[in-house]
């Protein structure tokens, strides 16, 4: 009788352990599936990981329209790393350009902030667009929005593709229906000296 009681107790204890493990596994599965991936948030997080750092870049297959950048030092600087990530793009001593990435309810928005040396806005500024569907944590394609089409009719079919990998940042412009292409690549494994603030910033 005593032996039977001991066996019964052991069986109940074993069953309790199995049930506890099953509940733990189920909870873990719920935790891993309850939060779907957010490529837009992950993309911005990848940018923020380099906050405060600057990196040198180089043109890839430059076209005649890019002649003003040839031979110039090209430097990107990740700064302003809150909900909006600002990335000034310095071309030699020209500090007029800043890429501005902002999280939207649906995705990420890219705008181009162009300034004069006194900090005032250029006539051609704030163009860009929202990321297309299908973007990933490492690559987003931004199609020109209606504001851009009105400001720059020739750029209404622009698509800006930005890539952020562990080793490289890429900014690329293509124009549908045209052979216009601009691409600059930055080495994220080799930080360089931080440049002065872009025009219009402190």
C-alpha atoms as a PDB file:
ATOM      1  CA  UNK A   1       0.000   0.000   0.000  1.00  0.00           C
ATOM      2  CA  UNK A   2       2.798   2.399   0.928  1.00  0.00           C
ATOM      3  CA  UNK A   3       4.667   1.523  -2.287  1.00  0.00           C
ATOM      4  CA  UNK A   4       1.560   2.215  -4.328  1.00  0.00           C
ATOM      5  CA  UNK A   5       1.151   5.613  -2.641  1.00  0.00           C
ATOM      6  CA  UNK A   6       4.780   6.515  -3.375  1.00  0.00           C
ATOM      7  CA  UNK A   7       4.413   5.559  -7.037  1.00  0.00           C
ATOM      8  CA  UNK A   8       1.234   7.574  -7.309  1.00  0.00           C
ATOM      9  CA  UNK A   9       2.970  10.616  -5.812  1.00  0.00           C
ATOM     10  CA  UNK A  10       5.836  10.268  -8.248  1.00  0.00           C
ATOM     11  CA  UNK A  11       3.463  10.017 -11.193  1.00  0.00           C
ATOM     12  CA  UNK A  12       1.624  13.157 -10.065  1.00  0.00           C
ATOM     13  CA  UNK A  13       4.935  15.012  -9.620  1.00  0.00           C
ATOM     14  CA  UNK A  14       6.125  13.979 -13.066  1.00  0.00           C
ATOM     15  CA  UNK A  15       2.835  15.061 -14.605  1.00  0.00           C
ATOM     16  CA  UNK A  16       3.132  18.428 -12.870  1.00  0.00           C
ATOM     17  CA  UNK A  17       6.629  18.947 -14.295  1.00  0.00           C
ATOM     18  CA  UNK A  18       5.454  18.085 -17.818  1.00  0.00           C
ATOM     19  CA  UNK A  19       2.497  20.464 -17.506  1.00  0.00           C
ATOM     20  CA  UNK A  20       4.744  23.268 -16.253  1.00  0.00           C
ATOM     21  CA  UNK A  21       7.148  22.818 -19.164  1.00  0.00           C
ATOM     22  CA  UNK A  22       4.259  22.788 -21.644  1.00  0.00           C
ATOM     23  CA  UNK A  23       2.883  26.043 -20.245  1.00  0.00           C
ATOM     24  CA  UNK A  24       6.350  27.631 -20.377  1.00  0.00           C
ATOM     25  CA  UNK A  25       6.866  26.592 -24.010  1.00  0.00           C
ATOM     26  CA  UNK A  26       3.426  27.894 -24.973  1.00  0.00           C
ATOM     27  CA  UNK A  27       4.131  31.231 -23.288  1.00  0.00           C
ATOM     28  CA  UNK A  28       7.460  31.512 -25.091  1.00  0.00           C
ATOM     29  CA  UNK A  29       5.777  30.863 -28.419  1.00  0.00           C
ATOM     30  CA  UNK A  30       3.203  33.553 -27.690  1.00  0.00           C
ATOM     31  CA  UNK A  31       5.966  36.016 -26.789  1.00  0.00           C
ATOM     32  CA  UNK A  32       7.860  35.406 -30.030  1.00  0.00           C
ATOM     33  CA  UNK A  33       4.801  35.675 -32.248  1.00  0.00           C
ATOM     34  CA  UNK A  34       2.927  38.495 -30.524  1.00  0.00           C
ATOM     35  CA  UNK A  35       5.327  41.205 -31.735  1.00  0.00           C
ATOM     36  CA  UNK A  36       5.556  41.148 -35.545  1.00  0.00           C
ATOM     37  CA  UNK A  37       8.705  42.498 -37.168  1.00  0.00           C
ATOM     38  CA  UNK A  38       8.712  46.219 -37.942  1.00  0.00           C
ATOM     39  CA  UNK A  39      11.220  46.775 -40.775  1.00  0.00           C
ATOM     40  CA  UNK A  40      10.785  50.560 -40.587  1.00  0.00           C
ATOM     41  CA  UNK A  41      11.680  50.679 -36.889  1.00  0.00           C
ATOM     42  CA  UNK A  42      14.565  48.265 -37.418  1.00  0.00           C
ATOM     43  CA  UNK A  43      15.861  50.342 -40.339  1.00  0.00           C
ATOM     44  CA  UNK A  44      15.923  53.502 -38.214  1.00  0.00           C
ATOM     45  CA  UNK A  45      17.506  51.583 -35.335  1.00  0.00           C
ATOM     46  CA  UNK A  46      20.297  50.484 -37.679  1.00  0.00           C
ATOM     47  CA  UNK A  47      20.933  54.142 -38.510  1.00  0.00           C
ATOM     48  CA  UNK A  48      20.831  55.208 -34.851  1.00  0.00           C
ATOM     49  CA  UNK A  49      23.451  52.579 -34.042  1.00  0.00           C
ATOM     50  CA  UNK A  50      25.957  54.922 -35.720  1.00  0.00           C
ATOM     51  CA  UNK A  51      24.753  58.089 -34.002  1.00  0.00           C
ATOM     52  CA  UNK A  52      27.494  60.662 -33.582  1.00  0.00           C
ATOM     53  CA  UNK A  53      29.831  58.977 -36.047  1.00  0.00           C
ATOM     54  CA  UNK A  54      30.979  60.050 -39.506  1.00  0.00           C
ATOM     55  CA  UNK A  55      32.069  57.930 -42.455  1.00  0.00           C
ATOM     56  CA  UNK A  56      33.820  58.544 -45.767  1.00  0.00           C
ATOM     57  CA  UNK A  57      32.197  57.607 -49.044  1.00  0.00           C
ATOM     58  CA  UNK A  58      32.904  57.306 -52.721  1.00  0.00           C
ATOM     59  CA  UNK A  59      30.908  57.725 -55.912  1.00  0.00           C
ATOM     60  CA  UNK A  60      30.131  54.593 -57.906  1.00  0.00           C
ATOM     61  CA  UNK A  61      30.086  54.995 -61.695  1.00  0.00           C
ATOM     62  CA  UNK A  62      29.558  58.786 -61.598  1.00  0.00           C
ATOM     63  CA  UNK A  63      27.752  60.456 -64.483  1.00  0.00           C
ATOM     64  CA  UNK A  64      28.508  63.870 -66.048  1.00  0.00           C
ATOM     65  CA  UNK A  65      25.842  65.422 -63.802  1.00  0.00           C
ATOM     66  CA  UNK A  66      27.965  64.432 -60.796  1.00  0.00           C
ATOM     67  CA  UNK A  67      31.149  66.153 -61.995  1.00  0.00           C
ATOM     68  CA  UNK A  68      30.994  68.682 -59.156  1.00  0.00           C
ATOM     69  CA  UNK A  69      31.518  65.881 -56.636  1.00  0.00           C
ATOM     70  CA  UNK A  70      34.495  64.243 -58.289  1.00  0.00           C
ATOM     71  CA  UNK A  71      37.686  64.686 -56.320  1.00  0.00           C
ATOM     72  CA  UNK A  72      35.777  66.006 -53.297  1.00  0.00           C
ATOM     73  CA  UNK A  73      35.802  64.403 -49.858  1.00  0.00           C
ATOM     74  CA  UNK A  74      32.380  62.809 -49.324  1.00  0.00           C
ATOM     75  CA  UNK A  75      31.377  62.391 -45.678  1.00  0.00           C
ATOM     76  CA  UNK A  76      28.121  61.366 -44.017  1.00  0.00           C
ATOM     77  CA  UNK A  77      27.503  62.184 -40.350  1.00  0.00           C
ATOM     78  CA  UNK A  78      24.708  60.513 -38.365  1.00  0.00           C
ATOM     79  CA  UNK A  79      23.279  63.101 -35.962  1.00  0.00           C
ATOM     80  CA  UNK A  80      19.906  64.112 -34.535  1.00  0.00           C
ATOM     81  CA  UNK A  81      19.051  60.557 -33.543  1.00  0.00           C
ATOM     82  CA  UNK A  82      15.593  60.871 -31.981  1.00  0.00           C
ATOM     83  CA  UNK A  83      12.319  60.045 -33.714  1.00  0.00           C
ATOM     84  CA  UNK A  84      13.895  61.783 -36.694  1.00  0.00           C
ATOM     85  CA  UNK A  85      17.388  60.776 -37.815  1.00  0.00           C
ATOM     86  CA  UNK A  86      19.343  63.480 -39.634  1.00  0.00           C
ATOM     87  CA  UNK A  87      22.313  62.514 -41.783  1.00  0.00           C
ATOM     88  CA  UNK A  88      24.252  65.476 -43.215  1.00  0.00           C
ATOM     89  CA  UNK A  89      26.049  64.681 -46.467  1.00  0.00           C
ATOM     90  CA  UNK A  90      29.155  66.842 -46.832  1.00  0.00           C
ATOM     91  CA  UNK A  91      30.752  67.349 -50.246  1.00  0.00           C
ATOM     92  CA  UNK A  92      34.121  68.964 -49.625  1.00  0.00           C
ATOM     93  CA  UNK A  93      33.346  72.208 -47.778  1.00  0.00           C
ATOM     94  CA  UNK A  94      29.754  72.251 -49.062  1.00  0.00           C
ATOM     95  CA  UNK A  95      27.586  71.512 -46.020  1.00  0.00           C
ATOM     96  CA  UNK A  96      24.235  72.255 -47.644  1.00  0.00           C
ATOM     97  CA  UNK A  97      22.771  68.741 -47.769  1.00  0.00           C
ATOM     98  CA  UNK A  98      21.049  66.678 -45.077  1.00  0.00           C
ATOM     99  CA  UNK A  99      19.108  63.456 -45.479  1.00  0.00           C
ATOM    100  CA  UNK A 100      16.209  63.383 -43.031  1.00  0.00           C
ATOM    101  CA  UNK A 101      14.609  60.060 -42.053  1.00  0.00           C
ATOM    102  CA  UNK A 102      11.344  60.127 -40.096  1.00  0.00           C
ATOM    103  CA  UNK A 103       9.150  57.273 -38.844  1.00  0.00           C
ATOM    104  CA  UNK A 104       5.567  57.527 -40.074  1.00  0.00           C
ATOM    105  CA  UNK A 105       2.581  55.435 -38.920  1.00  0.00           C
ATOM    106  CA  UNK A 106       3.005  53.245 -41.995  1.00  0.00           C
ATOM    107  CA  UNK A 107       6.705  53.335 -42.817  1.00  0.00           C
ATOM    108  CA  UNK A 108       9.698  55.704 -43.104  1.00  0.00           C
ATOM    109  CA  UNK A 109       9.882  59.061 -44.884  1.00  0.00           C
ATOM    110  CA  UNK A 110      12.996  60.454 -46.550  1.00  0.00           C
ATOM    111  CA  UNK A 111      13.352  64.187 -47.149  1.00  0.00           C
ATOM    112  CA  UNK A 112      16.253  66.230 -48.500  1.00  0.00           C
ATOM    113  CA  UNK A 113      16.967  69.385 -46.499  1.00  0.00           C
ATOM    114  CA  UNK A 114      19.025  71.868 -48.528  1.00  0.00           C
ATOM    115  CA  UNK A 115      20.380  75.046 -46.901  1.00  0.00           C
ATOM    116  CA  UNK A 116      22.483  78.053 -47.789  1.00  0.00           C
ATOM    117  CA  UNK A 117      25.573  78.939 -45.766  1.00  0.00           C
ATOM    118  CA  UNK A 118      23.519  81.434 -43.731  1.00  0.00           C
ATOM    119  CA  UNK A 119      21.140  78.647 -42.715  1.00  0.00           C
ATOM    120  CA  UNK A 120      18.224  79.736 -44.880  1.00  0.00           C
ATOM    121  CA  UNK A 121      16.395  77.136 -46.951  1.00  0.00           C
ATOM    122  CA  UNK A 122      17.288  76.661 -50.583  1.00  0.00           C
ATOM    123  CA  UNK A 123      14.472  77.034 -53.108  1.00  0.00           C
ATOM    124  CA  UNK A 124      14.872  73.339 -53.878  1.00  0.00           C
ATOM    125  CA  UNK A 125      14.445  71.549 -50.565  1.00  0.00           C
ATOM    126  CA  UNK A 126      12.239  69.129 -48.609  1.00  0.00           C
ATOM    127  CA  UNK A 127      11.734  66.840 -51.576  1.00  0.00           C
ATOM    128  CA  UNK A 128      11.611  63.064 -51.160  1.00  0.00           C
ATOM    129  CA  UNK A 129       8.918  60.539 -50.340  1.00  0.00           C
ATOM    130  CA  UNK A 130       7.750  57.588 -48.273  1.00  0.00           C
ATOM    131  CA  UNK A 131       9.237  54.109 -48.401  1.00  0.00           C
ATOM    132  CA  UNK A 132       7.523  51.651 -50.672  1.00  0.00           C
ATOM    133  CA  UNK A 133       5.965  48.475 -49.329  1.00  0.00           C
ATOM    134  CA  UNK A 134       8.334  45.544 -49.119  1.00  0.00           C
ATOM    135  CA  UNK A 135      11.212  47.383 -47.484  1.00  0.00           C
ATOM    136  CA  UNK A 136      13.467  45.581 -45.039  1.00  0.00           C
ATOM    137  CA  UNK A 137      15.560  46.446 -42.011  1.00  0.00           C
ATOM    138  CA  UNK A 138      18.534  46.859 -44.364  1.00  0.00           C
ATOM    139  CA  UNK A 139      16.996  48.451 -47.456  1.00  0.00           C
ATOM    140  CA  UNK A 140      14.227  50.961 -48.159  1.00  0.00           C
ATOM    141  CA  UNK A 141      13.129  52.415 -51.514  1.00  0.00           C
ATOM    142  CA  UNK A 142      11.542  55.881 -51.363  1.00  0.00           C
ATOM    143  CA  UNK A 143       9.374  56.996 -54.289  1.00  0.00           C
ATOM    144  CA  UNK A 144       8.965  60.694 -55.078  1.00  0.00           C
ATOM    145  CA  UNK A 145       5.827  62.154 -53.494  1.00  0.00           C
ATOM    146  CA  UNK A 146       3.376  64.723 -54.871  1.00  0.00           C
ATOM    147  CA  UNK A 147       5.306  67.606 -53.270  1.00  0.00           C
ATOM    148  CA  UNK A 148       8.424  66.522 -55.136  1.00  0.00           C
ATOM    149  CA  UNK A 149       6.542  66.168 -58.418  1.00  0.00           C
ATOM    150  CA  UNK A 150       5.216  69.727 -58.087  1.00  0.00           C
ATOM    151  CA  UNK A 151       8.576  71.168 -57.043  1.00  0.00           C
ATOM    152  CA  UNK A 152      10.703  69.232 -59.529  1.00  0.00           C
ATOM    153  CA  UNK A 153       8.592  67.856 -62.402  1.00  0.00           C
ATOM    154  CA  UNK A 154      11.603  66.114 -63.942  1.00  0.00           C
ATOM    155  CA  UNK A 155      12.078  64.201 -60.674  1.00  0.00           C
ATOM    156  CA  UNK A 156       8.516  62.926 -60.341  1.00  0.00           C
ATOM    157  CA  UNK A 157       9.670  59.355 -61.093  1.00  0.00           C
ATOM    158  CA  UNK A 158      12.663  59.452 -58.754  1.00  0.00           C
ATOM    159  CA  UNK A 159      13.305  56.501 -56.481  1.00  0.00           C
ATOM    160  CA  UNK A 160      15.881  56.832 -53.708  1.00  0.00           C
ATOM    161  CA  UNK A 161      17.166  53.554 -52.308  1.00  0.00           C
ATOM    162  CA  UNK A 162      18.985  53.587 -48.982  1.00  0.00           C
ATOM    163  CA  UNK A 163      20.793  50.543 -47.624  1.00  0.00           C
ATOM    164  CA  UNK A 164      22.180  50.105 -44.123  1.00  0.00           C
ATOM    165  CA  UNK A 165      24.167  46.917 -43.559  1.00  0.00           C
ATOM    166  CA  UNK A 166      26.663  46.124 -40.799  1.00  0.00           C
ATOM    167  CA  UNK A 167      29.490  47.293 -43.075  1.00  0.00           C
ATOM    168  CA  UNK A 168      28.027  49.761 -45.553  1.00  0.00           C
ATOM    169  CA  UNK A 169      25.623  52.675 -46.030  1.00  0.00           C
ATOM    170  CA  UNK A 170      24.403  53.228 -49.589  1.00  0.00           C
ATOM    171  CA  UNK A 171      22.428  56.131 -51.021  1.00  0.00           C
ATOM    172  CA  UNK A 172      21.231  55.615 -54.569  1.00  0.00           C
ATOM    173  CA  UNK A 173      19.018  57.619 -56.911  1.00  0.00           C
ATOM    174  CA  UNK A 174      17.370  56.198 -60.017  1.00  0.00           C
ATOM    175  CA  UNK A 175      14.821  57.841 -62.276  1.00  0.00           C
ATOM    176  CA  UNK A 176      12.231  55.660 -63.998  1.00  0.00           C
ATOM    177  CA  UNK A 177      12.229  56.196 -67.746  1.00  0.00           C
ATOM    178  CA  UNK A 178      15.674  57.791 -67.666  1.00  0.00           C
ATOM    179  CA  UNK A 179      19.287  56.685 -67.466  1.00  0.00           C
ATOM    180  CA  UNK A 180      19.878  59.031 -64.513  1.00  0.00           C
ATOM    181  CA  UNK A 181      21.617  57.195 -61.718  1.00  0.00           C
ATOM    182  CA  UNK A 182      23.568  58.376 -58.703  1.00  0.00           C
ATOM    183  CA  UNK A 183      25.161  56.101 -56.123  1.00  0.00           C
ATOM    184  CA  UNK A 184      27.477  56.764 -53.206  1.00  0.00           C
ATOM    185  CA  UNK A 185      28.755  54.115 -50.800  1.00  0.00           C
ATOM    186  CA  UNK A 186      30.117  54.683 -47.292  1.00  0.00           C
ATOM    187  CA  UNK A 187      32.327  52.305 -45.306  1.00  0.00           C
ATOM    188  CA  UNK A 188      30.741  51.879 -41.870  1.00  0.00           C
ATOM    189  CA  UNK A 189      33.693  49.909 -40.532  1.00  0.00           C
ATOM    190  CA  UNK A 190      36.033  52.927 -40.556  1.00  0.00           C
ATOM    191  CA  UNK A 191      34.744  56.049 -38.766  1.00  0.00           C
ATOM    192  CA  UNK A 192      36.409  59.331 -39.712  1.00  0.00           C
ATOM    193  CA  UNK A 193      36.710  62.699 -38.003  1.00  0.00           C
ATOM    194  CA  UNK A 194      33.340  64.327 -37.381  1.00  0.00           C
ATOM    195  CA  UNK A 195      32.832  67.295 -39.733  1.00  0.00           C
ATOM    196  CA  UNK A 196      31.449  70.703 -38.711  1.00  0.00           C
ATOM    197  CA  UNK A 197      27.688  71.026 -38.333  1.00  0.00           C
ATOM    198  CA  UNK A 198      25.705  71.319 -41.564  1.00  0.00           C
ATOM    199  CA  UNK A 199      24.535  74.746 -42.590  1.00  0.00           C
ATOM    200  CA  UNK A 200      21.526  75.817 -40.558  1.00  0.00           C
ATOM    201  CA  UNK A 201      22.458  73.630 -37.548  1.00  0.00           C
ATOM    202  CA  UNK A 202      24.595  74.108 -34.472  1.00  0.00           C
END
